[in-house]
Amino acid sequence: MCLSYRKYFWIIALLSCLAISGCATTQGTETQNTTEQDVDPIEPANRIFYGINEVLDEMLVKPVAGTYAYVMPDPMRESVSNFFSNLGYLNVILNSFLQGKADQGWSDTSRFLINSTLGIGGLFDVATGMGFARHEEDLGQTLAVWGSDQGTYLYLPIVGPQTVRDTPDIASSTLTNPLFYVTSAVLYPVAALGIINKRAQLLEATRLRDEASIDPYIFTREAYLQRRNYLIHDGNPPLEGYDDIFNLDSGEESGDMLRVE
């Protein structure tokens, strides 16, 4: 059966994003010395899209998510979160293998199969209790493992914070999600539920951001980039820059650090 035009669009988008990310690959890796201009050279445009997203969120998404969080019992919200997490887990499995994490990939495959069956379509996370831990892998992390530079920070309409290296995952996560291949009318309310549930999970985080930060845009950007660095290094990001604090020049003796007048 031929793919629909929508499916052709996402395949082309995936290939285009991969090409863009490949062009962004540079020699060396990101360091703590990277300037703000290097990370976010198109900040004025990003701030425009950030502002548009914030207006849409305040006027539409956030109020609905707040009502949803208020009326929906916590166990039901947890089941909804489990369901959508399980739907997106094929992307995690794919990227575990692409990163060469074979054991993790097989564990992730088992987790998906167990939660899809014993967990009633993913509504219940029974796999964690059986020793199959949940992982977070995506194409952006895979490209980082393969040596691609993160490229420019982007704030995309609707999507939110990204980097050039992370954008291909928009297509890959869509193509590996079973919902993408559902063409019936049930797709739209289910997709809307996923968006509302995701926003409800972030209500507390965005409240703290707005209360604690002078510039929410910068706070969002730095939080996103630090989170991505954390995920790329599997929870153990390098402590860059500390060597310079404690290193002495080759000709300097430790005794010179203390001078008695």
C-alpha atoms as a PDB file:
ATOM      1  CA  MET A   1       0.000   0.000   0.000  1.00  0.00           C
ATOM      2  CA  CYS A   2       1.325   3.421  -0.879  1.00  0.00           C
ATOM      3  CA  LEU A   3       2.195   5.825   1.892  1.00  0.00           C
ATOM      4  CA  SER A   4       0.014   8.885   2.290  1.00  0.00           C
ATOM      5  CA  TYR A   5       1.325  12.348   1.457  1.00  0.00           C
ATOM      6  CA  ARG A   6       1.737  12.997   5.168  1.00  0.00           C
ATOM      7  CA  LYS A   7       4.069  10.043   5.527  1.00  0.00           C
ATOM      8  CA  TYR A   8       6.099  11.138   2.499  1.00  0.00           C
ATOM      9  CA  PHE A   9       6.431  14.571   4.075  1.00  0.00           C
ATOM     10  CA  TRP A  10       7.902  13.199   7.306  1.00  0.00           C
ATOM     11  CA  ILE A  11      10.324  10.911   5.478  1.00  0.00           C
ATOM     12  CA  ILE A  12      11.599  13.873   3.457  1.00  0.00           C
ATOM     13  CA  ALA A  13      11.764  15.960   6.631  1.00  0.00           C
ATOM     14  CA  LEU A  14      13.828  13.279   8.354  1.00  0.00           C
ATOM     15  CA  LEU A  15      16.320  13.104   5.491  1.00  0.00           C
ATOM     16  CA  SER A  16      16.540  16.892   5.327  1.00  0.00           C
ATOM     17  CA  CYS A  17      17.148  17.208   9.066  1.00  0.00           C
ATOM     18  CA  LEU A  18      19.852  14.555   8.915  1.00  0.00           C
ATOM     19  CA  ALA A  19      21.549  16.485   6.137  1.00  0.00           C
ATOM     20  CA  ILE A  20      21.374  19.711   8.128  1.00  0.00           C
ATOM     21  CA  SER A  21      22.769  18.039  11.227  1.00  0.00           C
ATOM     22  CA  GLY A  22      25.569  16.491   9.201  1.00  0.00           C
ATOM     23  CA  CYS A  23      26.527  19.890   7.852  1.00  0.00           C
ATOM     24  CA  ALA A  24      26.698  21.186  11.417  1.00  0.00           C
ATOM     25  CA  THR A  25      29.346  18.637  12.405  1.00  0.00           C
ATOM     26  CA  THR A  26      32.615  20.297  13.312  1.00  0.00           C
ATOM     27  CA  GLN A  27      35.973  19.258  14.590  1.00  0.00           C
ATOM     28  CA  GLY A  28      36.150  19.080  18.365  1.00  0.00           C
ATOM     29  CA  THR A  29      33.353  19.143  20.902  1.00  0.00           C
ATOM     30  CA  GLU A  30      31.416  21.714  22.890  1.00  0.00           C
ATOM     31  CA  THR A  31      33.350  23.254  25.758  1.00  0.00           C
ATOM     32  CA  GLN A  32      32.525  25.503  28.634  1.00  0.00           C
ATOM     33  CA  ASN A  33      34.315  28.317  26.769  1.00  0.00           C
ATOM     34  CA  THR A  34      31.580  28.389  24.120  1.00  0.00           C
ATOM     35  CA  THR A  35      30.101  31.885  24.118  1.00  0.00           C
ATOM     36  CA  GLU A  36      26.440  32.761  24.212  1.00  0.00           C
ATOM     37  CA  GLN A  37      26.736  34.104  20.656  1.00  0.00           C
ATOM     38  CA  ASP A  38      28.095  30.740  19.478  1.00  0.00           C
ATOM     39  CA  VAL A  39      25.233  28.826  21.098  1.00  0.00           C
ATOM     40  CA  ASP A  40      22.384  31.201  20.236  1.00  0.00           C
ATOM     41  CA  PRO A  41      23.398  33.393  17.266  1.00  0.00           C
ATOM     42  CA  ILE A  42      19.778  33.863  16.155  1.00  0.00           C
ATOM     43  CA  GLU A  43      18.487  34.877  19.581  1.00  0.00           C
ATOM     44  CA  PRO A  44      16.288  37.741  18.271  1.00  0.00           C
ATOM     45  CA  ALA A  45      14.334  35.342  16.040  1.00  0.00           C
ATOM     46  CA  ASN A  46      14.224  32.703  18.756  1.00  0.00           C
ATOM     47  CA  ARG A  47      12.792  35.226  21.203  1.00  0.00           C
ATOM     48  CA  ILE A  48      10.022  36.088  18.742  1.00  0.00           C
ATOM     49  CA  PHE A  49       8.966  32.444  18.485  1.00  0.00           C
ATOM     50  CA  TYR A  50       9.352  32.054  22.241  1.00  0.00           C
ATOM     51  CA  GLY A  51       6.982  34.964  22.765  1.00  0.00           C
ATOM     52  CA  ILE A  52       4.442  33.552  20.316  1.00  0.00           C
ATOM     53  CA  ASN A  53       4.531  30.167  22.010  1.00  0.00           C
ATOM     54  CA  GLU A  54       4.129  31.766  25.442  1.00  0.00           C
ATOM     55  CA  VAL A  55       1.064  33.725  24.303  1.00  0.00           C
ATOM     56  CA  LEU A  56      -0.546  30.602  22.818  1.00  0.00           C
ATOM     57  CA  ASP A  57       0.303  28.648  25.950  1.00  0.00           C
ATOM     58  CA  GLU A  58      -1.148  31.261  28.315  1.00  0.00           C
ATOM     59  CA  MET A  59      -4.306  31.714  26.261  1.00  0.00           C
ATOM     60  CA  LEU A  60      -5.062  28.105  25.339  1.00  0.00           C
ATOM     61  CA  VAL A  61      -2.877  25.202  26.416  1.00  0.00           C
ATOM     62  CA  LYS A  62      -2.023  26.123  30.002  1.00  0.00           C
ATOM     63  CA  PRO A  63      -5.640  26.788  31.148  1.00  0.00           C
ATOM     64  CA  VAL A  64      -6.806  23.482  29.662  1.00  0.00           C
ATOM     65  CA  ALA A  65      -3.860  21.628  31.198  1.00  0.00           C
ATOM     66  CA  GLY A  66      -4.537  23.230  34.575  1.00  0.00           C
ATOM     67  CA  THR A  67      -8.183  22.139  34.488  1.00  0.00           C
ATOM     68  CA  TYR A  68      -7.119  18.652  33.390  1.00  0.00           C
ATOM     69  CA  ALA A  69      -4.655  18.370  36.269  1.00  0.00           C
ATOM     70  CA  TYR A  70      -7.295  19.582  38.728  1.00  0.00           C
ATOM     71  CA  VAL A  71     -10.110  17.230  37.730  1.00  0.00           C
ATOM     72  CA  MET A  72      -8.116  14.155  36.716  1.00  0.00           C
ATOM     73  CA  PRO A  73      -7.160  11.845  39.610  1.00  0.00           C
ATOM     74  CA  ASP A  74      -3.421  11.234  39.934  1.00  0.00           C
ATOM     75  CA  PRO A  75      -3.626   7.472  39.182  1.00  0.00           C
ATOM     76  CA  MET A  76      -5.462   8.179  35.926  1.00  0.00           C
ATOM     77  CA  ARG A  77      -2.953  10.866  34.937  1.00  0.00           C
ATOM     78  CA  GLU A  78      -0.137   8.437  35.647  1.00  0.00           C
ATOM     79  CA  SER A  79      -1.751   5.815  33.427  1.00  0.00           C
ATOM     80  CA  VAL A  80      -2.160   8.357  30.611  1.00  0.00           C
ATOM     81  CA  SER A  81       1.508   9.318  30.969  1.00  0.00           C
ATOM     82  CA  ASN A  82       2.521   5.645  30.906  1.00  0.00           C
ATOM     83  CA  PHE A  83       0.454   5.086  27.763  1.00  0.00           C
ATOM     84  CA  PHE A  84       2.095   7.882  25.784  1.00  0.00           C
ATOM     85  CA  SER A  85       5.544   7.027  27.113  1.00  0.00           C
ATOM     86  CA  ASN A  86       5.088   3.475  25.894  1.00  0.00           C
ATOM     87  CA  LEU A  87       3.878   4.651  22.478  1.00  0.00           C
ATOM     88  CA  GLY A  88       7.068   6.654  22.042  1.00  0.00           C
ATOM     89  CA  TYR A  89       9.360   3.922  23.313  1.00  0.00           C
ATOM     90  CA  LEU A  90      10.104   2.432  19.897  1.00  0.00           C
ATOM     91  CA  ASN A  91      12.217   5.522  19.247  1.00  0.00           C
ATOM     92  CA  VAL A  92      14.165   4.791  22.444  1.00  0.00           C
ATOM     93  CA  ILE A  93      14.743   1.191  21.348  1.00  0.00           C
ATOM     94  CA  LEU A  94      15.939   2.253  17.895  1.00  0.00           C
ATOM     95  CA  ASN A  95      18.423   4.782  19.271  1.00  0.00           C
ATOM     96  CA  SER A  96      19.718   2.447  21.972  1.00  0.00           C
ATOM     97  CA  PHE A  97      20.836   0.098  19.199  1.00  0.00           C
ATOM     98  CA  LEU A  98      22.103   2.938  16.992  1.00  0.00           C
ATOM     99  CA  GLN A  99      24.342   4.064  19.849  1.00  0.00           C
ATOM    100  CA  GLY A 100      25.795   0.585  20.183  1.00  0.00           C
ATOM    101  CA  LYS A 101      24.042  -0.142  23.488  1.00  0.00           C
ATOM    102  CA  ALA A 102      22.964  -3.664  22.545  1.00  0.00           C
ATOM    103  CA  ASP A 103      22.186  -4.899  26.055  1.00  0.00           C
ATOM    104  CA  GLN A 104      20.167  -1.789  26.804  1.00  0.00           C
ATOM    105  CA  GLY A 105      18.406  -2.108  23.467  1.00  0.00           C
ATOM    106  CA  TRP A 106      17.244  -5.649  24.226  1.00  0.00           C
ATOM    107  CA  SER A 107      16.193  -4.561  27.711  1.00  0.00           C
ATOM    108  CA  ASP A 108      14.215  -1.670  26.199  1.00  0.00           C
ATOM    109  CA  THR A 109      12.601  -4.063  23.719  1.00  0.00           C
ATOM    110  CA  SER A 110      11.535  -6.344  26.572  1.00  0.00           C
ATOM    111  CA  ARG A 111      10.208  -3.361  28.497  1.00  0.00           C
ATOM    112  CA  PHE A 112       8.089  -2.260  25.545  1.00  0.00           C
ATOM    113  CA  LEU A 113       6.658  -5.745  24.939  1.00  0.00           C
ATOM    114  CA  ILE A 114       5.877  -6.320  28.618  1.00  0.00           C
ATOM    115  CA  ASN A 115       4.157  -2.975  29.117  1.00  0.00           C
ATOM    116  CA  SER A 116       2.275  -3.313  25.817  1.00  0.00           C
ATOM    117  CA  THR A 117       0.831  -6.685  26.880  1.00  0.00           C
ATOM    118  CA  LEU A 118       0.825  -7.178  30.644  1.00  0.00           C
ATOM    119  CA  GLY A 119       0.574  -3.423  31.100  1.00  0.00           C
ATOM    120  CA  ILE A 120      -2.589  -3.252  28.953  1.00  0.00           C
ATOM    121  CA  GLY A 121      -1.280  -1.160  26.088  1.00  0.00           C
ATOM    122  CA  GLY A 122       1.163   0.669  28.319  1.00  0.00           C
ATOM    123  CA  LEU A 123      -1.389   2.033  30.787  1.00  0.00           C
ATOM    124  CA  PHE A 124       0.528   0.354  33.612  1.00  0.00           C
ATOM    125  CA  ASP A 125       4.287   0.249  34.012  1.00  0.00           C
ATOM    126  CA  VAL A 126       4.802  -3.325  35.143  1.00  0.00           C
ATOM    127  CA  ALA A 127       8.184  -3.688  33.439  1.00  0.00           C
ATOM    128  CA  THR A 128      10.021  -1.434  35.905  1.00  0.00           C
ATOM    129  CA  GLY A 129       9.009  -3.698  38.770  1.00  0.00           C
ATOM    130  CA  MET A 130      10.399  -6.627  36.785  1.00  0.00           C
ATOM    131  CA  GLY A 131      13.812  -4.986  36.488  1.00  0.00           C
ATOM    132  CA  PHE A 132      13.505  -3.380  33.048  1.00  0.00           C
ATOM    133  CA  ALA A 133      14.433   0.247  33.688  1.00  0.00           C
ATOM    134  CA  ARG A 134      13.140   3.127  31.594  1.00  0.00           C
ATOM    135  CA  HIS A 135      15.710   4.938  29.464  1.00  0.00           C
ATOM    136  CA  GLU A 136      15.683   8.193  27.503  1.00  0.00           C
ATOM    137  CA  GLU A 137      17.346   7.937  24.101  1.00  0.00           C
ATOM    138  CA  ASP A 138      16.632   9.848  20.906  1.00  0.00           C
ATOM    139  CA  LEU A 139      18.188  10.664  17.557  1.00  0.00           C
ATOM    140  CA  GLY A 140      19.756  13.867  18.858  1.00  0.00           C
ATOM    141  CA  GLN A 141      21.688  11.866  21.452  1.00  0.00           C
ATOM    142  CA  THR A 142      22.646   9.324  18.799  1.00  0.00           C
ATOM    143  CA  LEU A 143      24.057  12.040  16.542  1.00  0.00           C
ATOM    144  CA  ALA A 144      26.039  13.388  19.503  1.00  0.00           C
ATOM    145  CA  VAL A 145      27.491   9.927  20.131  1.00  0.00           C
ATOM    146  CA  TRP A 146      28.412   9.753  16.436  1.00  0.00           C
ATOM    147  CA  GLY A 147      30.354  13.023  16.777  1.00  0.00           C
ATOM    148  CA  SER A 148      27.939  15.650  15.493  1.00  0.00           C
ATOM    149  CA  ASP A 149      28.228  19.112  17.020  1.00  0.00           C
ATOM    150  CA  GLN A 150      25.063  20.451  18.653  1.00  0.00           C
ATOM    151  CA  GLY A 151      24.896  23.414  16.285  1.00  0.00           C
ATOM    152  CA  THR A 152      22.708  26.459  16.781  1.00  0.00           C
ATOM    153  CA  TYR A 153      20.122  26.651  19.531  1.00  0.00           C
ATOM    154  CA  LEU A 154      16.626  26.955  18.069  1.00  0.00           C
ATOM    155  CA  TYR A 155      13.271  27.826  19.559  1.00  0.00           C
ATOM    156  CA  LEU A 156      10.725  26.426  17.137  1.00  0.00           C
ATOM    157  CA  PRO A 157       7.053  27.378  16.900  1.00  0.00           C
ATOM    158  CA  ILE A 158       4.858  24.879  18.779  1.00  0.00           C
ATOM    159  CA  VAL A 159       7.797  22.473  19.263  1.00  0.00           C
ATOM    160  CA  GLY A 160       9.826  24.654  21.651  1.00  0.00           C
ATOM    161  CA  PRO A 161      13.565  24.464  22.454  1.00  0.00           C
ATOM    162  CA  GLN A 162      15.802  22.473  20.124  1.00  0.00           C
ATOM    163  CA  THR A 163      19.268  22.488  18.621  1.00  0.00           C
ATOM    164  CA  VAL A 164      20.173  21.769  15.006  1.00  0.00           C
ATOM    165  CA  ARG A 165      21.451  18.359  16.112  1.00  0.00           C
ATOM    166  CA  ASP A 166      18.208  17.541  17.926  1.00  0.00           C
ATOM    167  CA  THR A 167      15.776  18.514  15.154  1.00  0.00           C
ATOM    168  CA  PRO A 168      15.984  15.195  13.232  1.00  0.00           C
ATOM    169  CA  ASP A 169      14.384  13.501  16.230  1.00  0.00           C
ATOM    170  CA  ILE A 170      11.154  15.374  15.485  1.00  0.00           C
ATOM    171  CA  ALA A 171      10.807  13.221  12.376  1.00  0.00           C
ATOM    172  CA  SER A 172      12.199   9.959  13.779  1.00  0.00           C
ATOM    173  CA  SER A 173      10.042  10.072  16.911  1.00  0.00           C
ATOM    174  CA  THR A 174       7.007  10.704  14.708  1.00  0.00           C
ATOM    175  CA  LEU A 175       7.773   7.893  12.273  1.00  0.00           C
ATOM    176  CA  THR A 176       8.348   5.362  15.085  1.00  0.00           C
ATOM    177  CA  ASN A 177       5.160   6.293  16.950  1.00  0.00           C
ATOM    178  CA  PRO A 178       2.279   3.902  16.172  1.00  0.00           C
ATOM    179  CA  LEU A 179      -0.182   6.814  16.379  1.00  0.00           C
ATOM    180  CA  PHE A 180       1.336   8.226  13.193  1.00  0.00           C
ATOM    181  CA  TYR A 181      -0.135   5.328  11.231  1.00  0.00           C
ATOM    182  CA  VAL A 182      -3.646   5.696  12.661  1.00  0.00           C
ATOM    183  CA  THR A 183      -5.917   7.439  10.159  1.00  0.00           C
ATOM    184  CA  SER A 184      -9.261   7.193  11.959  1.00  0.00           C
ATOM    185  CA  ALA A 185     -10.998  10.077  13.706  1.00  0.00           C
ATOM    186  CA  VAL A 186      -9.781   8.775  17.088  1.00  0.00           C
ATOM    187  CA  LEU A 187      -6.283  10.056  16.276  1.00  0.00           C
ATOM    188  CA  TYR A 188      -7.078  13.716  16.943  1.00  0.00           C
ATOM    189  CA  PRO A 189      -8.595  13.464  20.446  1.00  0.00           C
ATOM    190  CA  VAL A 190      -5.859  11.024  21.489  1.00  0.00           C
ATOM    191  CA  ALA A 191      -3.150  13.347  20.165  1.00  0.00           C
ATOM    192  CA  ALA A 192      -4.793  16.302  21.933  1.00  0.00           C
ATOM    193  CA  LEU A 193      -4.867  14.323  25.171  1.00  0.00           C
ATOM    194  CA  GLY A 194      -1.157  13.648  24.807  1.00  0.00           C
ATOM    195  CA  ILE A 195      -0.390  17.367  24.419  1.00  0.00           C
ATOM    196  CA  ILE A 196      -2.565  18.360  27.375  1.00  0.00           C
ATOM    197  CA  ASN A 197      -1.147  15.627  29.593  1.00  0.00           C
ATOM    198  CA  LYS A 198       2.421  16.627  28.713  1.00  0.00           C
ATOM    199  CA  ARG A 199       1.702  20.276  29.499  1.00  0.00           C
ATOM    200  CA  ALA A 200       0.103  19.286  32.806  1.00  0.00           C
ATOM    201  CA  GLN A 201       3.334  17.517  33.758  1.00  0.00           C
ATOM    202  CA  LEU A 202       5.226  20.786  33.236  1.00  0.00           C
ATOM    203  CA  LEU A 203       2.906  23.095  35.178  1.00  0.00           C
ATOM    204  CA  GLU A 204       5.037  23.140  38.323  1.00  0.00           C
ATOM    205  CA  ALA A 205       8.302  23.464  36.384  1.00  0.00           C
ATOM    206  CA  THR A 206       7.086  26.475  34.404  1.00  0.00           C
ATOM    207  CA  ARG A 207       5.686  28.077  37.558  1.00  0.00           C
ATOM    208  CA  LEU A 208       9.083  27.826  39.241  1.00  0.00           C
ATOM    209  CA  ARG A 209      10.770  29.148  36.094  1.00  0.00           C
ATOM    210  CA  ASP A 210       8.545  32.203  35.987  1.00  0.00           C
ATOM    211  CA  GLU A 211       9.000  32.910  39.696  1.00  0.00           C
ATOM    212  CA  ALA A 212      12.743  32.276  39.951  1.00  0.00           C
ATOM    213  CA  SER A 213      14.176  33.668  36.716  1.00  0.00           C
ATOM    214  CA  ILE A 214      14.739  37.243  35.649  1.00  0.00           C
ATOM    215  CA  ASP A 215      14.734  36.223  31.981  1.00  0.00           C
ATOM    216  CA  PRO A 216      12.576  33.100  31.375  1.00  0.00           C
ATOM    217  CA  TYR A 217      13.931  32.781  27.820  1.00  0.00           C
ATOM    218  CA  ILE A 218      17.539  32.406  28.989  1.00  0.00           C
ATOM    219  CA  PHE A 219      16.451  30.147  31.849  1.00  0.00           C
ATOM    220  CA  THR A 220      14.631  27.890  29.380  1.00  0.00           C
ATOM    221  CA  ARG A 221      17.587  27.809  26.994  1.00  0.00           C
ATOM    222  CA  GLU A 222      20.174  26.976  29.652  1.00  0.00           C
ATOM    223  CA  ALA A 223      17.958  24.388  31.312  1.00  0.00           C
ATOM    224  CA  TYR A 224      17.355  22.697  27.963  1.00  0.00           C
ATOM    225  CA  LEU A 225      21.028  22.622  26.978  1.00  0.00           C
ATOM    226  CA  GLN A 226      22.116  21.320  30.382  1.00  0.00           C
ATOM    227  CA  ARG A 227      19.430  18.641  30.274  1.00  0.00           C
ATOM    228  CA  ARG A 228      20.557  17.543  26.817  1.00  0.00           C
ATOM    229  CA  ASN A 229      24.178  17.367  27.974  1.00  0.00           C
ATOM    230  CA  TYR A 230      23.065  15.258  30.936  1.00  0.00           C
ATOM    231  CA  LEU A 231      21.186  12.808  28.702  1.00  0.00           C
ATOM    232  CA  ILE A 232      23.957  12.549  26.095  1.00  0.00           C
ATOM    233  CA  HIS A 233      26.421  11.486  28.801  1.00  0.00           C
ATOM    234  CA  ASP A 234      23.931   9.097  30.450  1.00  0.00           C
ATOM    235  CA  GLY A 235      23.742  11.137  33.620  1.00  0.00           C
ATOM    236  CA  ASN A 236      27.500  11.706  33.982  1.00  0.00           C
ATOM    237  CA  PRO A 237      28.383  14.902  32.080  1.00  0.00           C
ATOM    238  CA  PRO A 238      32.056  15.910  32.128  1.00  0.00           C
ATOM    239  CA  LEU A 239      33.107  18.586  34.606  1.00  0.00           C
ATOM    240  CA  GLU A 240      34.766  20.839  32.061  1.00  0.00           C
ATOM    241  CA  GLY A 241      36.747  23.844  33.137  1.00  0.00           C
ATOM    242  CA  TYR A 242      37.777  22.645  36.590  1.00  0.00           C
ATOM    243  CA  ASP A 243      41.237  21.574  35.407  1.00  0.00           C
ATOM    244  CA  ASP A 244      42.044  25.180  34.610  1.00  0.00           C
ATOM    245  CA  ILE A 245      41.239  26.212  38.171  1.00  0.00           C
ATOM    246  CA  PHE A 246      43.674  23.804  39.801  1.00  0.00           C
ATOM    247  CA  ASN A 247      46.369  23.487  37.120  1.00  0.00           C
ATOM    248  CA  LEU A 248      49.631  25.370  37.572  1.00  0.00           C
ATOM    249  CA  ASP A 249      51.951  26.465  34.800  1.00  0.00           C
ATOM    250  CA  SER A 250      54.745  23.976  34.133  1.00  0.00           C
ATOM    251  CA  GLY A 251      57.368  26.302  35.563  1.00  0.00           C
ATOM    252  CA  GLU A 252      55.395  27.196  38.676  1.00  0.00           C
ATOM    253  CA  GLU A 253      56.070  25.360  41.896  1.00  0.00           C
ATOM    254  CA  SER A 254      53.346  24.681  44.382  1.00  0.00           C
ATOM    255  CA  GLY A 255      55.272  26.551  47.012  1.00  0.00           C
ATOM    256  CA  ASP A 256      54.880  29.770  45.057  1.00  0.00           C
ATOM    257  CA  MET A 257      51.163  29.722  45.783  1.00  0.00           C
ATOM    258  CA  LEU A 258      51.802  30.874  49.339  1.00  0.00           C
ATOM    259  CA  ARG A 259      54.132  33.771  49.915  1.00  0.00           C
ATOM    260  CA  VAL A 260      55.109  34.988  53.353  1.00  0.00           C
ATOM    261  CA  GLU A 261      55.801  38.686  53.570  1.00  0.00           C
END
